[in-house]
Protein backbone atom coordinates (compact mmCIF):
# COMPACT_ATOMS: atom_id res chain seq x y z
CA VAL A 1 172.40 168.42 117.21
CA TRP A 2 169.02 168.26 115.54
CA ASN A 3 168.13 164.61 116.17
CA ARG A 4 167.49 164.90 119.91
CA VAL A 5 164.42 165.44 122.04
CA VAL A 6 164.57 166.57 125.65
CA ILE A 7 161.62 165.82 127.94
CA GLU A 8 161.55 167.37 131.40
CA LEU A 9 158.98 166.12 133.89
CA THR A 10 157.78 167.94 136.98
CA THR A 11 154.61 168.12 139.01
CA HIS A 12 154.14 171.77 139.91
CA ASP A 13 151.82 171.04 142.85
CA LEU A 14 154.59 168.98 144.46
CA GLY A 15 157.47 171.18 143.35
CA GLY A 16 159.28 168.17 141.89
CA LEU A 17 158.75 164.63 140.69
CA SER A 18 155.79 162.46 141.54
CA THR A 19 155.59 158.69 141.29
CA LEU A 20 153.58 159.18 138.09
CA ASP A 21 156.42 161.28 136.62
CA VAL A 22 158.88 158.49 137.40
CA GLU A 23 156.60 155.87 135.83
CA LEU A 24 156.20 157.97 132.68
CA ALA A 25 159.98 158.37 132.44
CA ARG A 26 160.39 154.59 132.70
CA ARG A 27 157.87 154.04 129.92
CA ILE A 28 159.58 156.60 127.69
CA GLU A 29 162.97 154.96 128.28
CA ARG A 30 161.52 151.59 127.18
CA LEU A 31 160.31 153.14 123.91
CA VAL A 32 163.50 154.99 123.01
CA PRO A 33 166.76 153.16 122.31
CA SER A 34 169.81 154.36 124.23
CA ALA A 35 172.41 156.36 122.36
C-alpha cells in the first residue's frame, strides 16, 4: 500500500524508548487520523 508512513522511534543511548519518544508519538497520533 502506497498511502502509508511508518515512523519508528528509538533513543540509541538508552537502547529503547525515552519519555521524549513517547511524547513525540502522542503528538504524531493527534495529528494523524486513525485508519
